[in-house]
C-alpha atoms as a PDB file:
ATOM      1  CA  MET A   1     101.823  99.390  93.362  1.00  0.00           C
ATOM      2  CA  PHE A   2      98.696  97.490  94.153  1.00  0.00           C
ATOM      3  CA  ALA A   3      95.695  99.686  94.579  1.00  0.00           C
ATOM      4  CA  LEU A   4      94.555  99.713  98.280  1.00  0.00           C
ATOM      5  CA  ARG A   5      91.356  97.838  99.043  1.00  0.00           C
ATOM      6  CA  PRO A   6      88.580  98.347 101.600  1.00  0.00           C
ATOM      7  CA  ILE A   7      90.228  95.510 103.574  1.00  0.00           C
ATOM      8  CA  VAL A   8      93.001  97.953 104.603  1.00  0.00           C
ATOM      9  CA  PHE A   9      92.905  98.395 108.375  1.00  0.00           C
ATOM     10  CA  LEU A  10      95.618 100.775 109.159  1.00  0.00           C
ATOM     11  CA  VAL A  11      97.971 103.179 107.299  1.00  0.00           C
ATOM     12  CA  LEU A  12     100.548 105.203 109.202  1.00  0.00           C
ATOM     13  CA  ILE A  13     102.617 107.888 107.684  1.00  0.00           C
ATOM     14  CA  ALA A  14     105.521 109.460 109.635  1.00  0.00           C
ATOM     15  CA  ILE A  15     108.138 110.693 107.229  1.00  0.00           C
ATOM     16  CA  GLY A  16     110.978 112.159 109.382  1.00  0.00           C
ATOM     17  CA  GLY A  17     112.137 111.291 112.887  1.00  0.00           C
ATOM     18  CA  ASN A  18     112.604 107.670 113.973  1.00  0.00           C
ATOM     19  CA  CYS A  19     113.026 106.160 117.391  1.00  0.00           C
ATOM     20  CA  ALA A  20     115.697 103.879 115.867  1.00  0.00           C
ATOM     21  CA  ALA A  21     117.625 106.353 114.037  1.00  0.00           C
ATOM     22  CA  GLN A  22     121.327 106.298 114.477  1.00  0.00           C
ATOM     23  CA  ASP A  23     124.519 108.127 113.325  1.00  0.00           C
ATOM     24  CA  ALA A  24     125.309 107.392 109.735  1.00  0.00           C
ATOM     25  CA  SER A  25     128.898 106.380 110.786  1.00  0.00           C
ATOM     26  CA  ALA A  26     127.523 103.606 113.075  1.00  0.00           C
ATOM     27  CA  PRO A  27     128.148 100.017 112.323  1.00  0.00           C
ATOM     28  CA  PRO A  28     125.714  98.021 110.242  1.00  0.00           C
ATOM     29  CA  GLN A  29     122.253  97.844 111.805  1.00  0.00           C
ATOM     30  CA  VAL A  30     121.514  94.451 113.531  1.00  0.00           C
ATOM     31  CA  LEU A  31     117.834  93.692 113.914  1.00  0.00           C
ATOM     32  CA  ARG A  32     116.057  90.991 116.030  1.00  0.00           C
ATOM     33  CA  VAL A  33     112.892  89.719 114.186  1.00  0.00           C
ATOM     34  CA  ALA A  34     110.425  87.046 115.158  1.00  0.00           C
ATOM     35  CA  PHE A  35     107.277  85.435 113.689  1.00  0.00           C
ATOM     36  CA  TRP A  36     104.759  83.427 115.460  1.00  0.00           C
ATOM     37  CA  ASN A  37     101.454  81.630 114.481  1.00  0.00           C
ATOM     38  CA  ILE A  38      99.507  81.879 117.682  1.00  0.00           C
ATOM     39  CA  GLN A  39      96.693  79.487 116.685  1.00  0.00           C
ATOM     40  CA  TRP A  40      93.490  81.430 116.591  1.00  0.00           C
ATOM     41  CA  PHE A  41      94.563  83.871 119.410  1.00  0.00           C
ATOM     42  CA  PRO A  42      92.950  84.023 121.780  1.00  0.00           C
ATOM     43  CA  GLY A  43      91.272  80.678 122.382  1.00  0.00           C
ATOM     44  CA  ARG A  44      93.045  78.249 119.972  1.00  0.00           C
ATOM     45  CA  HIS A  45      89.773  77.617 118.118  1.00  0.00           C
ATOM     46  CA  PRO A  46      87.324  79.632 115.985  1.00  0.00           C
ATOM     47  CA  PHE A  47      84.621  78.942 118.340  1.00  0.00           C
ATOM     48  CA  ALA A  48      86.606  79.286 121.610  1.00  0.00           C
ATOM     49  CA  THR A  49      85.064  79.684 125.027  1.00  0.00           C
ATOM     50  CA  ALA A  50      85.867  82.530 127.441  1.00  0.00           C
ATOM     51  CA  SER A  51      87.874  80.107 129.616  1.00  0.00           C
ATOM     52  CA  SER A  52      89.827  78.877 126.553  1.00  0.00           C
ATOM     53  CA  GLU A  53      90.598  82.536 125.695  1.00  0.00           C
ATOM     54  CA  ARG A  54      91.871  83.216 129.241  1.00  0.00           C
ATOM     55  CA  ALA A  55      93.967  80.159 129.390  1.00  0.00           C
ATOM     56  CA  GLN A  56      95.749  80.671 125.899  1.00  0.00           C
ATOM     57  CA  THR A  57      96.409  84.394 126.737  1.00  0.00           C
ATOM     58  CA  ALA A  58      98.098  83.424 130.071  1.00  0.00           C
ATOM     59  CA  SER A  59     100.099  80.920 128.281  1.00  0.00           C
ATOM     60  CA  VAL A  60     101.092  83.196 125.435  1.00  0.00           C
ATOM     61  CA  HIS A  61     102.115  85.947 127.760  1.00  0.00           C
ATOM     62  CA  ARG A  62     104.475  83.503 129.559  1.00  0.00           C
ATOM     63  CA  ASP A  63     105.969  82.561 126.143  1.00  0.00           C
ATOM     64  CA  MET A  64     106.184  86.164 124.912  1.00  0.00           C
ATOM     65  CA  HIS A  65     108.885  86.920 127.611  1.00  0.00           C
ATOM     66  CA  LYS A  66     111.082  84.626 125.450  1.00  0.00           C
ATOM     67  CA  ILE A  67     110.732  86.707 122.299  1.00  0.00           C
ATOM     68  CA  ASN A  68     113.113  89.686 122.551  1.00  0.00           C
ATOM     69  CA  ALA A  69     112.414  91.151 119.169  1.00  0.00           C
ATOM     70  CA  ASP A  70     112.479  94.552 117.436  1.00  0.00           C
ATOM     71  CA  VAL A  71     109.924  93.465 114.839  1.00  0.00           C
ATOM     72  CA  LEU A  72     107.302  90.683 115.448  1.00  0.00           C
ATOM     73  CA  GLY A  73     104.974  89.219 112.850  1.00  0.00           C
ATOM     74  CA  MET A  74     102.002  87.348 114.107  1.00  0.00           C
ATOM     75  CA  GLU A  75      99.617  84.952 112.282  1.00  0.00           C
ATOM     76  CA  GLU A  76      96.175  83.791 113.375  1.00  0.00           C
ATOM     77  CA  VAL A  77      95.285  86.592 115.679  1.00  0.00           C
ATOM     78  CA  ARG A  78      91.796  87.847 115.635  1.00  0.00           C
ATOM     79  CA  ASP A  79      91.874  91.623 115.612  1.00  0.00           C
ATOM     80  CA  PHE A  80      93.800  94.620 116.581  1.00  0.00           C
ATOM     81  CA  SER A  81      92.722  94.655 120.231  1.00  0.00           C
ATOM     82  CA  ARG A  82      93.699  90.928 120.571  1.00  0.00           C
ATOM     83  CA  ALA A  83      96.992  91.486 118.901  1.00  0.00           C
ATOM     84  CA  THR A  84      97.709  94.311 121.380  1.00  0.00           C
ATOM     85  CA  ILE A  85      96.900  92.063 124.176  1.00  0.00           C
ATOM     86  CA  ALA A  86      99.301  89.419 122.766  1.00  0.00           C
ATOM     87  CA  VAL A  87     102.293  91.765 122.891  1.00  0.00           C
ATOM     88  CA  LEU A  88     101.510  93.407 126.279  1.00  0.00           C
ATOM     89  CA  PRO A  89     104.637  91.617 127.960  1.00  0.00           C
ATOM     90  CA  LEU A  90     107.024  93.159 125.476  1.00  0.00           C
ATOM     91  CA  ALA A  91     108.063  96.647 126.643  1.00  0.00           C
ATOM     92  CA  GLY A  92     107.934  99.227 123.790  1.00  0.00           C
ATOM     93  CA  MET A  93     106.226  96.874 121.352  1.00  0.00           C
ATOM     94  CA  LYS A  94     103.004  98.023 119.734  1.00  0.00           C
ATOM     95  CA  VAL A  95     100.916  96.909 116.791  1.00  0.00           C
ATOM     96  CA  ASP A  96     101.487  98.825 113.625  1.00  0.00           C
ATOM     97  CA  VAL A  97      99.109  97.009 111.271  1.00  0.00           C
ATOM     98  CA  ILE A  98      96.641  94.090 111.265  1.00  0.00           C
ATOM     99  CA  SER A  99      94.524  92.684 108.551  1.00  0.00           C
ATOM    100  CA  ASN A 100      90.698  92.385 108.550  1.00  0.00           C
ATOM    101  CA  PHE A 101      90.349  89.386 106.162  1.00  0.00           C
ATOM    102  CA  PRO A 102      86.774  87.878 106.008  1.00  0.00           C
ATOM    103  CA  PRO A 103      86.264  84.565 107.789  1.00  0.00           C
ATOM    104  CA  ARG A 104      86.479  81.453 105.715  1.00  0.00           C
ATOM    105  CA  GLU A 105      83.227  79.475 104.999  1.00  0.00           C
ATOM    106  CA  GLY A 106      81.666  77.984 108.061  1.00  0.00           C
ATOM    107  CA  GLN A 107      83.746  80.152 110.528  1.00  0.00           C
ATOM    108  CA  ASP A 108      82.559  83.309 112.240  1.00  0.00           C
ATOM    109  CA  VAL A 109      86.038  84.979 112.671  1.00  0.00           C
ATOM    110  CA  GLY A 110      88.988  85.317 110.304  1.00  0.00           C
ATOM    111  CA  GLN A 111      92.629  84.356 110.766  1.00  0.00           C
ATOM    112  CA  GLN A 112      94.565  87.759 110.641  1.00  0.00           C
ATOM    113  CA  VAL A 113      98.158  88.610 110.146  1.00  0.00           C
ATOM    114  CA  ALA A 114      99.783  91.453 112.057  1.00  0.00           C
ATOM    115  CA  ILE A 115     103.104  93.299 112.404  1.00  0.00           C
ATOM    116  CA  ALA A 116     104.384  94.784 115.698  1.00  0.00           C
ATOM    117  CA  SER A 117     107.464  96.558 116.379  1.00  0.00           C
ATOM    118  CA  ARG A 118     109.421  99.126 118.532  1.00  0.00           C
ATOM    119  CA  PHE A 119     109.960 101.432 115.533  1.00  0.00           C
ATOM    120  CA  GLN A 120     107.818 104.274 113.974  1.00  0.00           C
ATOM    121  CA  PRO A 121     106.553 103.041 110.542  1.00  0.00           C
ATOM    122  CA  LEU A 122     106.728 105.219 107.418  1.00  0.00           C
ATOM    123  CA  GLY A 123     103.776 103.317 106.236  1.00  0.00           C
ATOM    124  CA  ALA A 124     101.803 100.185 106.938  1.00  0.00           C
ATOM    125  CA  TRP A 125      98.877  98.446 105.354  1.00  0.00           C
ATOM    126  CA  VAL A 126      97.390  95.019 104.258  1.00  0.00           C
ATOM    127  CA  GLU A 127      96.111  93.581 101.033  1.00  0.00           C
ATOM    128  CA  LEU A 128      94.134  90.509  99.923  1.00  0.00           C
ATOM    129  CA  TRP A 129      95.388  88.091  97.428  1.00  0.00           C
ATOM    130  CA  LYS A 130      93.615  88.521  94.224  1.00  0.00           C
ATOM    131  CA  PRO A 131      91.831  85.609  92.553  1.00  0.00           C
ATOM    132  CA  ASN A 132      93.391  84.343  89.347  1.00  0.00           C
ATOM    133  CA  GLY A 133      90.825  82.117  87.474  1.00  0.00           C
ATOM    134  CA  ALA A 134      90.124  79.028  89.585  1.00  0.00           C
ATOM    135  CA  LEU A 135      92.920  79.873  92.109  1.00  0.00           C
ATOM    136  CA  VAL A 136      91.406  81.843  95.101  1.00  0.00           C
ATOM    137  CA  PRO A 137      94.120  82.202  97.713  1.00  0.00           C
ATOM    138  CA  PRO A 138      92.887  82.797 101.233  1.00  0.00           C
ATOM    139  CA  ARG A 139      93.894  85.760 103.192  1.00  0.00           C
ATOM    140  CA  GLY A 140      96.692  88.127 102.079  1.00  0.00           C
ATOM    141  CA  PHE A 141      99.626  89.927 103.535  1.00  0.00           C
ATOM    142  CA  ALA A 142     100.521  92.650 106.035  1.00  0.00           C
ATOM    143  CA  PHE A 143     103.177  95.162 105.178  1.00  0.00           C
ATOM    144  CA  ALA A 144     105.180  97.887 107.025  1.00  0.00           C
ATOM    145  CA  ALA A 145     108.066 100.065 106.098  1.00  0.00           C
ATOM    146  CA  TYR A 146     110.486 101.521 108.603  1.00  0.00           C
ATOM    147  CA  GLU A 147     113.573 103.806 108.477  1.00  0.00           C
ATOM    148  CA  VAL A 148     115.758 101.850 110.842  1.00  0.00           C
ATOM    149  CA  THR A 149     118.763 104.084 110.420  1.00  0.00           C
ATOM    150  CA  PRO A 150     119.078 107.260 108.437  1.00  0.00           C
ATOM    151  CA  ARG A 151     118.404 106.511 104.833  1.00  0.00           C
ATOM    152  CA  HIS A 152     118.128 102.817 105.341  1.00  0.00           C
ATOM    153  CA  ILE A 153     114.669 101.454 104.796  1.00  0.00           C
ATOM    154  CA  LEU A 154     113.289  98.098 105.982  1.00  0.00           C
ATOM    155  CA  LEU A 155     110.353  96.629 104.313  1.00  0.00           C
ATOM    156  CA  VAL A 156     108.626  93.788 106.374  1.00  0.00           C
ATOM    157  CA  TYR A 157     105.888  91.330 105.192  1.00  0.00           C
ATOM    158  CA  ALA A 158     104.066  88.950 107.356  1.00  0.00           C
ATOM    159  CA  VAL A 159     102.365  86.134 105.451  1.00  0.00           C
ATOM    160  CA  HIS A 160     100.264  83.095 106.172  1.00  0.00           C
ATOM    161  CA  PHE A 161      99.994  81.035 103.064  1.00  0.00           C
ATOM    162  CA  LYS A 162      97.508  78.280 102.151  1.00  0.00           C
ATOM    163  CA  SER A 163      97.390  75.215 104.360  1.00  0.00           C
ATOM    164  CA  ASN A 164      97.776  71.593 103.296  1.00  0.00           C
ATOM    165  CA  ARG A 165      94.344  70.550 104.141  1.00  0.00           C
ATOM    166  CA  GLY A 166      93.068  70.358 100.619  1.00  0.00           C
ATOM    167  CA  GLU A 167      94.263  68.619  97.393  1.00  0.00           C
ATOM    168  CA  VAL A 168      98.060  68.880  97.410  1.00  0.00           C
ATOM    169  CA  SER A 169      98.391  70.098  93.800  1.00  0.00           C
ATOM    170  CA  GLU A 170      95.838  72.748  94.374  1.00  0.00           C
ATOM    171  CA  ASP A 171      97.356  73.969  97.631  1.00  0.00           C
ATOM    172  CA  ILE A 172     100.772  74.266  96.021  1.00  0.00           C
ATOM    173  CA  ALA A 173      99.388  76.124  92.989  1.00  0.00           C
ATOM    174  CA  ILE A 174      97.550  78.469  95.449  1.00  0.00           C
ATOM    175  CA  ARG A 175     100.615  79.180  97.508  1.00  0.00           C
ATOM    176  CA  GLU A 176     102.622  79.837  94.285  1.00  0.00           C
ATOM    177  CA  GLU A 177     100.008  82.259  92.947  1.00  0.00           C
ATOM    178  CA  SER A 178     100.173  84.069  96.318  1.00  0.00           C
ATOM    179  CA  MET A 179     103.900  84.336  96.141  1.00  0.00           C
ATOM    180  CA  ARG A 180     103.819  85.672  92.532  1.00  0.00           C
ATOM    181  CA  GLN A 181     101.588  88.445  93.723  1.00  0.00           C
ATOM    182  CA  LEU A 182     103.841  89.127  96.723  1.00  0.00           C
ATOM    183  CA  THR A 183     107.020  89.471  94.638  1.00  0.00           C
ATOM    184  CA  THR A 184     105.186  91.875  92.223  1.00  0.00           C
ATOM    185  CA  HIS A 185     104.220  94.077  95.330  1.00  0.00           C
ATOM    186  CA  MET A 186     107.917  93.799  96.716  1.00  0.00           C
ATOM    187  CA  ARG A 187     109.350  95.111  93.441  1.00  0.00           C
ATOM    188  CA  ALA A 188     107.018  97.993  93.434  1.00  0.00           C
ATOM    189  CA  MET A 189     107.668  98.834  97.109  1.00  0.00           C
ATOM    190  CA  ASN A 190     111.474  98.562  96.568  1.00  0.00           C
ATOM    191  CA  ASP A 191     111.216 101.019  93.614  1.00  0.00           C
ATOM    192  CA  ALA A 192     109.099 103.474  95.665  1.00  0.00           C
ATOM    193  CA  TYR A 193     111.179 103.418  98.827  1.00  0.00           C
ATOM    194  CA  ALA A 194     114.562 103.347  97.118  1.00  0.00           C
ATOM    195  CA  LYS A 195     114.025 107.137  96.660  1.00  0.00           C
ATOM    196  CA  LEU A 196     114.584 107.388 100.468  1.00  0.00           C
ATOM    197  CA  GLY A 197     117.763 105.436 100.653  1.00  0.00           C
ATOM    198  CA  ILE A 198     119.025 101.813 100.894  1.00  0.00           C
ATOM    199  CA  VAL A 199     116.218  99.289 100.981  1.00  0.00           C
ATOM    200  CA  SER A 200     116.356  95.812 102.840  1.00  0.00           C
ATOM    201  CA  CYS A 201     113.300  93.566 102.906  1.00  0.00           C
ATOM    202  CA  ILE A 202     112.292  90.852 105.378  1.00  0.00           C
ATOM    203  CA  VAL A 203     109.422  88.263 104.543  1.00  0.00           C
ATOM    204  CA  GLY A 204     108.281  85.926 107.342  1.00  0.00           C
ATOM    205  CA  GLY A 205     105.458  83.859 108.667  1.00  0.00           C
ATOM    206  CA  ASP A 206     103.686  80.573 108.063  1.00  0.00           C
ATOM    207  CA  PHE A 207     104.400  79.391 104.693  1.00  0.00           C
ATOM    208  CA  ASN A 208     102.928  75.850 105.089  1.00  0.00           C
ATOM    209  CA  THR A 209     105.793  74.531 102.959  1.00  0.00           C
ATOM    210  CA  ALA A 210     109.552  74.334 102.930  1.00  0.00           C
ATOM    211  CA  PRO A 211     112.279  74.379 100.187  1.00  0.00           C
ATOM    212  CA  ASP A 212     113.734  71.127 101.313  1.00  0.00           C
ATOM    213  CA  ASP A 213     110.518  69.233 102.221  1.00  0.00           C
ATOM    214  CA  SER A 214     110.157  66.191  99.939  1.00  0.00           C
ATOM    215  CA  ARG A 215     106.405  66.438 100.037  1.00  0.00           C
ATOM    216  CA  PHE A 216     106.693  69.756  98.046  1.00  0.00           C
ATOM    217  CA  GLY A 217     109.623  68.815  95.826  1.00  0.00           C
ATOM    218  CA  GLY A 218     108.318  70.691  92.637  1.00  0.00           C
ATOM    219  CA  GLU A 219     106.868  73.680  94.521  1.00  0.00           C
ATOM    220  CA  LYS A 220     108.166  77.219  93.505  1.00  0.00           C
ATOM    221  CA  THR A 221     106.797  79.181  96.526  1.00  0.00           C
ATOM    222  CA  THR A 222     110.097  79.695  98.279  1.00  0.00           C
ATOM    223  CA  ARG A 223     112.101  79.252  95.132  1.00  0.00           C
ATOM    224  CA  LEU A 224     110.573  82.510  93.852  1.00  0.00           C
ATOM    225  CA  LEU A 225     112.069  84.334  96.852  1.00  0.00           C
ATOM    226  CA  SER A 226     115.512  82.810  96.182  1.00  0.00           C
ATOM    227  CA  ASP A 227     115.232  83.870  92.457  1.00  0.00           C
ATOM    228  CA  ASN A 228     114.638  87.372  93.716  1.00  0.00           C
ATOM    229  CA  GLY A 229     117.792  87.698  95.882  1.00  0.00           C
ATOM    230  CA  PHE A 230     116.502  86.418  99.218  1.00  0.00           C
ATOM    231  CA  SER A 231     118.358  84.356 101.739  1.00  0.00           C
ATOM    232  CA  TRP A 232     116.644  81.789 103.872  1.00  0.00           C
ATOM    233  CA  CYS A 233     117.121  81.795 107.698  1.00  0.00           C
ATOM    234  CA  TRP A 234     117.381  77.995 107.936  1.00  0.00           C
ATOM    235  CA  GLN A 235     119.956  77.430 105.356  1.00  0.00           C
ATOM    236  CA  ASP A 236     122.466  74.832 106.618  1.00  0.00           C
ATOM    237  CA  ILE A 237     120.581  74.332 109.928  1.00  0.00           C
ATOM    238  CA  PRO A 238     119.693  70.623 110.574  1.00  0.00           C
ATOM    239  CA  PHE A 239     115.898  69.898 110.369  1.00  0.00           C
ATOM    240  CA  SER A 240     115.891  68.681 114.082  1.00  0.00           C
ATOM    241  CA  ARG A 241     116.903  72.224 115.265  1.00  0.00           C
ATOM    242  CA  ARG A 242     114.187  74.017 113.111  1.00  0.00           C
ATOM    243  CA  ILE A 243     110.955  72.159 113.776  1.00  0.00           C
ATOM    244  CA  SER A 244     108.434  74.906 113.992  1.00  0.00           C
ATOM    245  CA  LEU A 245     105.439  72.724 113.738  1.00  0.00           C
ATOM    246  CA  PRO A 246     105.738  69.701 116.089  1.00  0.00           C
ATOM    247  CA  ALA A 247     104.160  66.518 115.053  1.00  0.00           C
ATOM    248  CA  ASP A 248     100.658  65.667 115.991  1.00  0.00           C
ATOM    249  CA  LYS A 249      98.154  62.740 115.406  1.00  0.00           C
ATOM    250  CA  LEU A 250      97.460  63.921 111.775  1.00  0.00           C
ATOM    251  CA  PHE A 251     100.779  65.358 110.540  1.00  0.00           C
ATOM    252  CA  PRO A 252     104.415  64.768 110.832  1.00  0.00           C
ATOM    253  CA  ALA A 253     106.802  67.394 112.293  1.00  0.00           C
ATOM    254  CA  ALA A 254     107.482  70.183 109.872  1.00  0.00           C
ATOM    255  CA  CYS A 255     109.460  73.419 109.397  1.00  0.00           C
ATOM    256  CA  PHE A 256     106.754  75.463 107.814  1.00  0.00           C
ATOM    257  CA  ASP A 257     107.674  78.845 109.454  1.00  0.00           C
ATOM    258  CA  HIS A 258     110.394  80.798 107.732  1.00  0.00           C
ATOM    259  CA  ILE A 259     112.224  84.215 107.535  1.00  0.00           C
ATOM    260  CA  PHE A 260     113.801  85.466 104.303  1.00  0.00           C
ATOM    261  CA  VAL A 261     115.902  88.522 103.880  1.00  0.00           C
ATOM    262  CA  ARG A 262     117.238  90.569 100.990  1.00  0.00           C
ATOM    263  CA  ASN A 263     120.009  93.163 101.313  1.00  0.00           C
ATOM    264  CA  GLY A 264     121.060  91.802 104.581  1.00  0.00           C
ATOM    265  CA  LYS A 265     122.430  88.454 106.183  1.00  0.00           C
ATOM    266  CA  PHE A 266     121.481  86.197 109.001  1.00  0.00           C
ATOM    267  CA  ASN A 267     123.856  86.248 112.030  1.00  0.00           C
ATOM    268  CA  SER A 268     121.634  83.564 113.595  1.00  0.00           C
ATOM    269  CA  ALA A 269     118.294  81.853 113.510  1.00  0.00           C
ATOM    270  CA  ARG A 270     116.564  79.653 115.915  1.00  0.00           C
ATOM    271  CA  VAL A 271     113.184  78.139 116.968  1.00  0.00           C
ATOM    272  CA  ILE A 272     111.806  79.418 120.343  1.00  0.00           C
ATOM    273  CA  GLU A 273     109.881  76.523 121.818  1.00  0.00           C
ATOM    274  CA  THR A 274     106.669  77.599 123.119  1.00  0.00           C
ATOM    275  CA  SER A 275     104.002  75.828 125.043  1.00  0.00           C
ATOM    276  CA  ARG A 276     101.353  73.771 123.257  1.00  0.00           C
ATOM    277  CA  GLY A 277      98.949  75.658 125.430  1.00  0.00           C
ATOM    278  CA  SER A 278     100.046  78.829 123.557  1.00  0.00           C
ATOM    279  CA  SER A 279      99.900  77.324 119.916  1.00  0.00           C
ATOM    280  CA  ASP A 280     100.499  74.359 117.720  1.00  0.00           C
ATOM    281  CA  HIS A 281     103.393  76.365 116.198  1.00  0.00           C
ATOM    282  CA  ASN A 282     106.667  77.394 117.801  1.00  0.00           C
ATOM    283  CA  ALA A 283     107.832  80.977 117.376  1.00  0.00           C
ATOM    284  CA  ILE A 284     110.941  81.562 115.090  1.00  0.00           C
ATOM    285  CA  PHE A 285     113.546  84.192 115.762  1.00  0.00           C
ATOM    286  CA  ALA A 286     116.591  85.555 113.690  1.00  0.00           C
ATOM    287  CA  GLU A 287     119.306  88.112 114.170  1.00  0.00           C
ATOM    288  CA  VAL A 288     119.632  90.130 110.898  1.00  0.00           C
ATOM    289  CA  GLN A 289     122.518  92.279 109.890  1.00  0.00           C
ATOM    290  CA  LEU A 290     121.392  94.761 107.210  1.00  0.00           C
ATOM    291  CA  ALA A 291     123.635  95.746 104.450  1.00  0.00           C
ATOM    292  CA  PRO A 292     125.742  98.701 105.173  1.00  0.00           C
END
């Protein structure tokens, strides 16, 4: 297990009862999961004005009504209070964990990742990626563990990998390094939580890459998940139906937001089209059936 760092924002321990617990003879658990990069929420810019913050918040609240999820990962939210404001329209949803990553050079606020849910977490924390020589990945990941049914543990990771605003080969190497660290952490958590029962795992967020995007043909970031037994939510879904990042004047349309699951299967997955007043990214949603 990785050592906890001072960056940890919140840890919750609640061994025992669970608001989602069901009888052991119940059918396999079906979960609704969503992830959304909300573009510097609130304000859509690191140096947003108060009026920009109010405008984006109103737009996000309108769009949140479209997201009927049990677990919601968020990227590019500023802090715990703002993440809590973002999910206000979703009854029963609360923020379980959010990062406190340092701002990038030239910025006064950081881009944080958060996990919200309608469950009681067994544990939740965040970690920074570790530098590896010249590779210094930005940000890190948020993690939460839930007992969704008796003796069935769900591990959830929210990620926001390196963007494509630098040199392509360096961006790819940084994302691959982040994923290597993530898979190491997942193996440790799987071993730890396996003592409590069956373990399923979901990883989602803004990957800034895709397994079938020709621009990143040799990249191993998502392949590392496939090699570790994960299924991809967009498998066999045409590109036109999974555009999570619409085209703008600088970049073509892309499918950069993903959900992967291990020890479960996707019943369905779709893009939730949201207003450009809310974010440059659309939200993504999947119905996941956990292994019995």
